[in-house]
């Protein structure tokens, strides 16, 4: 790490939980972010700013005018551009040392499993159950930790799933069905700063996982009420009959 990098990350290196060793570990880390919308925007920006060495960005959507109210990684100049390429430009401006790998197609099947297997942490910043369940299956299969976030209206939620850790549940233990919700942000709306709150916390949980520090939110679902500015925590239990993680050892 050269003098400029030491200066760039000096406020993090000062933290005894991180120090120079932790900062160097971040620089060797690889993180997959699926979804470069409201959640993925702050998550990608903070992970790059923190010095994560490689970000694999996956999204196959384009930037729309309605996105700009909350998806802060994109700007007016990026309208109609693929989100991963728009996001890459912002990340590179923010920290040229972070390597960005954009994937502008749906990851599925063996390609999804292979991509997840190469990562240290996976962030689910998507907005549909099909993607969430596919990511969860890949993480369970490869033994990779998954940081899941979701937002709607003034409400947010956050959970961390790590396969094989003390009977840790998976996303499928929390949601038994893949049936899409009738309401989404396009139907009911979402207040602009809310994805920033949850997406930033996803980045924080990812950093804790990468460095093995603190207490990530294993085995619990954190629920945020933006109108009351209150957090609630619900304990999650592994479902022994879960079709994704129940019974057999799914670790690598």
Protein backbone atom coordinates (compact mmCIF):
# COMPACT_ATOMS: atom_id res chain seq x y z
CA UNK A 1 0.00 0.00 0.00
CA UNK A 2 1.57 3.29 -1.11
CA UNK A 3 1.50 6.66 0.66
CA UNK A 4 -1.53 7.93 -1.23
CA UNK A 5 -3.53 4.83 -0.33
CA UNK A 6 -2.48 5.14 3.30
CA UNK A 7 -3.74 8.71 3.24
CA UNK A 8 -6.99 7.81 1.43
CA UNK A 9 -7.92 5.12 3.96
CA UNK A 10 -6.31 6.74 7.01
CA UNK A 11 -9.58 7.24 8.92
CA UNK A 12 -10.39 3.54 8.55
CA UNK A 13 -6.86 2.39 9.34
CA UNK A 14 -7.12 4.32 12.62
CA UNK A 15 -9.84 1.92 13.76
CA UNK A 16 -8.28 -0.89 15.82
CA UNK A 17 -10.80 -3.37 14.36
CA UNK A 18 -9.46 -2.63 10.86
CA UNK A 19 -5.89 -1.28 11.05
CA UNK A 20 -3.48 -1.70 8.14
CA UNK A 21 -3.95 -5.47 8.02
CA UNK A 22 -7.71 -5.15 7.63
CA UNK A 23 -7.37 -2.46 4.98
CA UNK A 24 -5.07 -4.68 2.97
CA UNK A 25 -7.56 -7.53 3.37
CA UNK A 26 -10.31 -5.32 1.95
CA UNK A 27 -8.11 -4.56 -1.03
CA UNK A 28 -7.92 -8.31 -1.77
CA UNK A 29 -11.66 -8.88 -1.35
CA UNK A 30 -14.26 -9.59 -4.03
CA UNK A 31 -17.92 -8.67 -3.64
CA UNK A 32 -20.88 -9.39 -5.93
CA UNK A 33 -23.68 -6.82 -5.95
CA UNK A 34 -26.86 -7.91 -7.72
CA UNK A 35 -29.07 -4.94 -8.53
CA UNK A 36 -27.73 -1.42 -9.16
CA UNK A 37 -30.86 0.41 -8.11
CA UNK A 38 -31.73 2.13 -4.85
CA UNK A 39 -29.94 -0.39 -2.62
CA UNK A 40 -27.05 -1.25 -4.89
CA UNK A 41 -26.18 2.40 -5.48
CA UNK A 42 -25.02 3.30 -1.95
CA UNK A 43 -23.73 -0.22 -1.32
CA UNK A 44 -21.41 -0.11 -4.34
CA UNK A 45 -20.26 3.44 -3.64
CA UNK A 46 -19.43 2.81 0.02
CA UNK A 47 -17.68 -0.49 -0.64
CA UNK A 48 -15.55 1.19 -3.31
CA UNK A 49 -14.84 4.15 -1.04
CA UNK A 50 -13.87 1.74 1.75
CA UNK A 51 -11.26 0.13 -0.50
CA UNK A 52 -12.80 -3.20 -1.53
CA UNK A 53 -10.53 -4.51 -4.28
CA UNK A 54 -13.09 -5.88 -6.75
CA UNK A 55 -16.79 -5.25 -7.24
CA UNK A 56 -18.75 -7.45 -9.62
CA UNK A 57 -21.86 -5.48 -10.59
CA UNK A 58 -24.83 -7.35 -12.03
CA UNK A 59 -27.94 -5.74 -13.50
CA UNK A 60 -29.56 -6.00 -16.93
CA UNK A 61 -31.80 -2.94 -16.69
CA UNK A 62 -31.26 0.56 -18.10
CA UNK A 63 -31.39 3.91 -16.29
CA UNK A 64 -34.86 5.47 -16.36
CA UNK A 65 -35.87 8.96 -15.29
CA UNK A 66 -37.98 7.51 -12.45
CA UNK A 67 -34.83 5.86 -11.02
CA UNK A 68 -32.99 9.11 -10.35
CA UNK A 69 -35.05 10.03 -7.29
CA UNK A 70 -33.26 7.37 -5.24
CA UNK A 71 -30.63 5.55 -7.35
CA UNK A 72 -27.80 7.95 -6.60
CA UNK A 73 -25.08 6.10 -8.51
CA UNK A 74 -26.76 7.23 -11.77
CA UNK A 75 -27.30 10.73 -13.14
CA UNK A 76 -29.33 12.51 -15.80
CA UNK A 77 -26.50 12.00 -18.30
CA UNK A 78 -26.87 8.22 -17.87
CA UNK A 79 -30.51 7.95 -19.00
CA UNK A 80 -31.10 4.87 -21.22
CA UNK A 81 -27.61 3.56 -20.39
CA UNK A 82 -27.14 0.10 -18.90
CA UNK A 83 -27.08 0.47 -15.13
CA UNK A 84 -23.91 -1.57 -14.67
CA UNK A 85 -21.98 0.66 -17.05
CA UNK A 86 -23.37 3.83 -15.51
CA UNK A 87 -22.50 2.50 -12.04
CA UNK A 88 -19.00 1.53 -13.18
CA UNK A 89 -18.27 5.12 -14.23
CA UNK A 90 -19.30 6.43 -10.81
CA UNK A 91 -17.29 3.82 -8.92
CA UNK A 92 -14.16 4.44 -11.00
CA UNK A 93 -14.45 8.19 -10.39
CA UNK A 94 -14.88 7.54 -6.69
CA UNK A 95 -11.96 5.11 -6.35
CA UNK A 96 -9.87 4.19 -9.40
CA UNK A 97 -8.15 1.45 -7.37
CA UNK A 98 -11.34 -0.62 -7.18
CA UNK A 99 -11.62 -3.06 -10.07
CA UNK A 100 -15.15 -3.13 -11.46
CA UNK A 101 -16.53 -6.08 -13.42
CA UNK A 102 -19.91 -5.23 -15.00
CA UNK A 103 -22.28 -8.06 -15.98
CA UNK A 104 -25.28 -6.73 -17.92
CA UNK A 105 -27.25 -9.96 -18.29
CA UNK A 106 -29.25 -12.15 -15.95
CA UNK A 107 -26.99 -14.50 -14.02
CA UNK A 108 -28.51 -17.96 -13.70
CA UNK A 109 -27.70 -21.65 -13.56
CA UNK A 110 -24.03 -22.71 -13.64
CA UNK A 111 -22.86 -19.18 -14.45
CA UNK A 112 -24.51 -17.83 -11.31
CA UNK A 113 -23.05 -20.63 -9.18
CA UNK A 114 -19.58 -20.07 -10.63
CA UNK A 115 -19.72 -16.30 -10.11
CA UNK A 116 -20.94 -16.61 -6.51
CA UNK A 117 -18.30 -19.24 -5.73
CA UNK A 118 -15.55 -16.77 -6.67
CA UNK A 119 -16.83 -14.07 -4.30
CA UNK A 120 -16.13 -13.42 -0.63
CA UNK A 121 -19.54 -11.83 0.04
CA UNK A 122 -22.74 -11.44 -2.01
CA UNK A 123 -25.15 -8.51 -1.70
CA UNK A 124 -28.76 -9.01 -2.77
CA UNK A 125 -29.93 -5.55 -3.82
CA UNK A 126 -32.51 -6.88 -6.28
CA UNK A 127 -36.23 -6.16 -6.37
CA UNK A 128 -37.86 -9.49 -7.21
CA UNK A 129 -38.25 -12.88 -5.56
CA UNK A 130 -37.01 -14.88 -8.55
CA UNK A 131 -33.59 -13.24 -8.31
CA UNK A 132 -33.54 -13.38 -4.52
CA UNK A 133 -34.30 -17.11 -4.43
CA UNK A 134 -31.76 -17.87 -7.16
CA UNK A 135 -29.06 -15.93 -5.30
CA UNK A 136 -29.96 -17.65 -2.06
CA UNK A 137 -29.69 -21.10 -3.66
CA UNK A 138 -26.30 -20.23 -5.15
CA UNK A 139 -25.00 -18.92 -1.82
CA UNK A 140 -26.22 -22.01 0.06
CA UNK A 141 -24.68 -24.27 -2.59
CA UNK A 142 -21.29 -22.52 -2.50
CA UNK A 143 -21.26 -21.62 1.20
CA UNK A 144 -21.01 -17.87 0.61
CA UNK A 145 -22.49 -15.25 2.96
CA UNK A 146 -25.47 -13.30 1.64
CA UNK A 147 -26.44 -9.78 2.75
CA UNK A 148 -30.08 -9.16 1.86
CA UNK A 149 -31.90 -5.82 1.85
CA UNK A 150 -35.34 -4.61 0.78
CA UNK A 151 -37.29 -1.34 0.89
CA UNK A 152 -40.79 -0.06 0.12
CA UNK A 153 -42.72 3.08 1.10
CA UNK A 154 -41.05 4.15 4.40
CA UNK A 155 -40.11 0.59 5.44
CA UNK A 156 -36.89 -1.35 5.09
CA UNK A 157 -35.44 -4.70 6.11
CA UNK A 158 -31.98 -6.21 6.42
CA UNK A 159 -30.68 -9.73 7.11
CA UNK A 160 -27.41 -11.64 6.81
CA UNK A 161 -27.39 -15.32 5.91
CA UNK A 162 -24.28 -17.48 6.16
CA UNK A 163 -24.68 -21.14 5.16
CA UNK A 164 -23.37 -23.67 7.65
CA UNK A 165 -22.94 -21.22 10.51
CA UNK A 166 -24.56 -22.47 13.72
CA UNK A 167 -27.75 -23.63 12.02
CA UNK A 168 -28.08 -20.29 10.27
CA UNK A 169 -31.33 -19.96 8.31
CA UNK A 170 -31.35 -19.02 4.64
CA UNK A 171 -33.58 -16.63 2.72
CA UNK A 172 -35.91 -19.51 1.83
CA UNK A 173 -36.43 -20.18 5.55
CA UNK A 174 -37.76 -16.63 5.84
CA UNK A 175 -39.91 -16.69 2.70
CA UNK A 176 -41.38 -20.06 1.83
CA UNK A 177 -42.87 -19.03 -1.51
CA UNK A 178 -41.38 -17.37 -4.59
CA UNK A 179 -44.68 -15.76 -5.51
CA UNK A 180 -44.09 -12.09 -6.27
CA UNK A 181 -45.75 -9.51 -4.05
CA UNK A 182 -48.67 -7.66 -5.60
CA UNK A 183 -47.15 -4.34 -4.53
CA UNK A 184 -43.72 -2.96 -5.34
CA UNK A 185 -42.07 0.43 -5.41
CA UNK A 186 -43.54 1.10 -8.85
CA UNK A 187 -47.04 0.65 -7.42
CA UNK A 188 -46.74 2.06 -3.89
CA UNK A 189 -43.63 4.27 -4.00
CA UNK A 190 -40.55 4.64 -1.82
CA UNK A 191 -39.14 7.71 -0.09
CA UNK A 192 -35.79 8.79 -1.57
CA UNK A 193 -33.38 8.36 1.39
CA UNK A 194 -34.72 4.98 2.52
CA UNK A 195 -32.69 2.82 0.09
CA UNK A 196 -29.65 4.83 1.17
CA UNK A 197 -30.20 3.78 4.78
CA UNK A 198 -30.56 0.07 4.03
CA UNK A 199 -28.01 -0.06 1.20
CA UNK A 200 -25.39 1.63 3.37
CA UNK A 201 -26.02 -0.90 6.11
CA UNK A 202 -25.61 -3.71 3.58
CA UNK A 203 -22.17 -2.27 2.79
CA UNK A 204 -21.36 -2.10 6.51
CA UNK A 205 -22.40 -5.71 7.07
CA UNK A 206 -20.32 -6.75 4.07
CA UNK A 207 -17.23 -5.04 5.48
CA UNK A 208 -17.76 -6.75 8.84
CA UNK A 209 -18.04 -10.11 7.09
CA UNK A 210 -14.95 -9.50 4.96
CA UNK A 211 -12.89 -8.60 8.02
CA UNK A 212 -14.45 -11.00 10.51
CA UNK A 213 -15.28 -8.22 12.97
CA UNK A 214 -18.28 -7.24 15.05
CA UNK A 215 -21.57 -9.11 15.07
CA UNK A 216 -23.30 -9.26 11.68
CA UNK A 217 -27.07 -9.70 11.84
CA UNK A 218 -27.04 -13.49 11.64
CA UNK A 219 -30.29 -15.24 12.46
CA UNK A 220 -32.37 -12.10 12.71
CA UNK A 221 -34.42 -9.85 10.49
CA UNK A 222 -34.00 -6.13 11.11
CA UNK A 223 -37.08 -4.06 10.28
CA UNK A 224 -36.85 -0.29 9.89
CA UNK A 225 -39.79 2.10 10.21
CA UNK A 226 -38.71 5.36 8.60
CA UNK A 227 -41.75 7.30 9.75
CA UNK A 228 -41.09 6.52 13.41
CA UNK A 229 -37.32 6.15 12.99
CA UNK A 230 -37.46 2.81 14.82
CA UNK A 231 -35.67 -0.51 14.33
CA UNK A 232 -37.14 -3.85 15.36
CA UNK A 233 -35.38 -7.20 15.37
CA UNK A 234 -37.07 -10.55 14.74
CA UNK A 235 -35.25 -13.80 15.47
CA UNK A 236 -35.07 -16.18 12.51
CA UNK A 237 -34.78 -19.93 12.82
CA UNK A 238 -33.55 -22.48 10.35
CA UNK A 239 -36.38 -24.47 8.82
CA UNK A 240 -35.33 -28.15 8.98
CA UNK A 241 -37.67 -28.80 6.05
CA UNK A 242 -36.45 -25.87 3.94
CA UNK A 243 -36.16 -27.02 0.29
CA UNK A 244 -32.95 -24.99 -0.10
CA UNK A 245 -30.92 -25.51 3.08
CA UNK A 246 -32.83 -28.09 5.14
CA UNK A 247 -31.22 -31.38 6.07
CA UNK A 248 -28.07 -31.88 3.99
CA UNK A 249 -24.79 -30.00 4.35
CA UNK A 250 -24.77 -27.53 1.47
CA UNK A 251 -21.38 -25.97 2.19
CA UNK A 252 -18.47 -26.07 -0.26
